[in-house]
C-alpha cells in the first residue's frame, strides 16, 4: 500500500498541513489503508510522533537562533559604548594636547 504524496490534496495522506497537524487523514487514504489491511491508527501514531519531533526541533532551532541574535546584539551594543568612550577619551586627549 502506498500513496503518491504525504499532503497537498484529497488524493494524499493529508489534504494540507493543517490536516496533517490535526491527524485528519483523507477519505482516499483511509480507503487505501483498508484495501491494504494496514493499521491506520498505528501509522497515524508514528506520523504524529514524527511531526511532534520535527516541531520540537524547529522550536529549539528558533530558540537557539534568538539566543544567538541576542548575544550578537549585546556585543554590538557593548562595542558602541566602548567606541563612544574611546572617542570621548581621544577628544579629551586632543584638547589637552592642543592646550599644552
Protein backbone atom coordinates (compact mmCIF):
# COMPACT_ATOMS: atom_id res chain seq x y z
CA UNK A 1 0.00 0.00 0.00
CA UNK A 2 1.40 3.41 -0.92
CA UNK A 3 0.24 6.94 -1.55
CA UNK A 4 1.75 9.31 -4.07
CA UNK A 5 2.03 12.20 -1.63
CA UNK A 6 2.12 12.94 2.08
CA UNK A 7 -0.01 16.11 1.96
CA UNK A 8 -1.26 18.52 -0.64
CA UNK A 9 -4.61 17.25 -1.90
CA UNK A 10 -7.53 14.91 -1.46
CA UNK A 11 -5.58 12.00 -3.00
CA UNK A 12 -2.73 12.36 -0.47
CA UNK A 13 -2.47 11.10 3.09
CA UNK A 14 -3.44 14.58 4.35
CA UNK A 15 -5.27 17.31 2.48
CA UNK A 16 -2.99 20.09 3.78
CA UNK A 17 -0.57 20.96 6.57
CA UNK A 18 -3.37 21.86 8.97
CA UNK A 19 -4.98 18.45 8.45
CA UNK A 20 -1.60 16.83 8.96
CA UNK A 21 -1.10 18.64 12.28
CA UNK A 22 -4.56 17.55 13.39
CA UNK A 23 -4.03 13.97 12.20
CA UNK A 24 -7.03 14.11 9.85
CA UNK A 25 -6.43 11.59 7.07
CA UNK A 26 -8.21 11.96 3.73
CA UNK A 27 -11.00 9.57 2.80
CA UNK A 28 -8.88 8.45 -0.14
CA UNK A 29 -6.05 7.45 2.23
CA UNK A 30 -8.47 5.65 4.57
CA UNK A 31 -9.75 3.56 1.66
CA UNK A 32 -6.21 2.79 0.53
CA UNK A 33 -5.33 1.61 4.05
CA UNK A 34 -8.43 -0.57 4.17
CA UNK A 35 -7.51 -2.12 0.85
CA UNK A 36 -4.02 -2.85 2.12
CA UNK A 37 -5.22 -4.15 5.52
CA UNK A 38 -2.85 -1.79 7.31
CA UNK A 39 -3.31 -0.49 10.83
CA UNK A 40 -4.19 3.15 10.22
CA UNK A 41 -4.09 4.08 13.92
CA UNK A 42 -0.53 2.79 14.28
CA UNK A 43 0.57 4.58 11.12
CA UNK A 44 -1.00 7.83 12.29
CA UNK A 45 0.63 7.49 15.70
CA UNK A 46 4.01 7.18 14.00
CA UNK A 47 3.32 10.22 11.84
CA UNK A 48 2.09 12.25 14.81
CA UNK A 49 5.24 11.32 16.72
CA UNK A 50 7.42 12.37 13.79
CA UNK A 51 5.55 15.67 13.36
CA UNK A 52 5.89 16.42 17.09
CA UNK A 53 9.59 15.64 16.96
CA UNK A 54 10.05 17.87 13.90
CA UNK A 55 8.14 20.72 15.55
CA UNK A 56 10.23 20.38 18.71
CA UNK A 57 13.44 20.51 16.67
CA UNK A 58 12.17 23.55 14.79
CA UNK A 59 11.24 25.27 18.04
CA UNK A 60 14.67 24.56 19.54
CA UNK A 61 16.34 25.88 16.40
CA UNK A 62 14.33 29.12 16.66
CA UNK A 63 15.24 29.45 20.35
CA UNK A 64 18.93 28.93 19.54
CA UNK A 65 18.72 31.48 16.73
CA UNK A 66 17.08 34.05 19.03
CA UNK A 67 19.77 33.46 21.66
CA UNK A 68 22.50 33.96 19.08
CA UNK A 69 20.88 37.17 17.83
CA UNK A 70 20.55 38.44 21.40
CA UNK A 71 24.22 37.67 22.08
CA UNK A 72 25.31 39.43 18.89
CA UNK A 73 23.14 42.45 19.74
CA UNK A 74 24.71 42.60 23.18
CA UNK A 75 28.22 42.55 21.70
CA UNK A 76 27.31 45.28 19.20
CA UNK A 77 25.84 47.43 21.98
CA UNK A 78 28.98 46.99 24.11
CA UNK A 79 31.15 47.89 21.13
CA UNK A 80 29.12 51.05 20.53
CA UNK A 81 29.53 52.09 24.17
CA UNK A 82 33.26 51.34 24.03
CA UNK A 83 33.62 53.29 20.78
CA UNK A 84 31.84 56.31 22.27
CA UNK A 85 34.05 56.16 25.37
CA UNK A 86 37.17 55.87 23.22
CA UNK A 87 36.02 58.81 21.09
CA UNK A 88 35.48 60.93 24.20
CA UNK A 89 38.90 59.98 25.57
CA UNK A 90 40.54 60.78 22.23
CA UNK A 91 38.77 64.13 22.12
CA UNK A 92 39.91 64.99 25.66
CA UNK A 93 43.49 63.94 24.86
CA UNK A 94 43.38 66.07 21.73
CA UNK A 95 42.07 69.07 23.69
CA UNK A 96 44.76 68.60 26.35
CA UNK A 97 47.45 68.28 23.70
CA UNK A 98 46.20 71.41 21.91
CA UNK A 99 46.15 73.41 25.14
CA UNK A 100 49.73 72.48 26.01
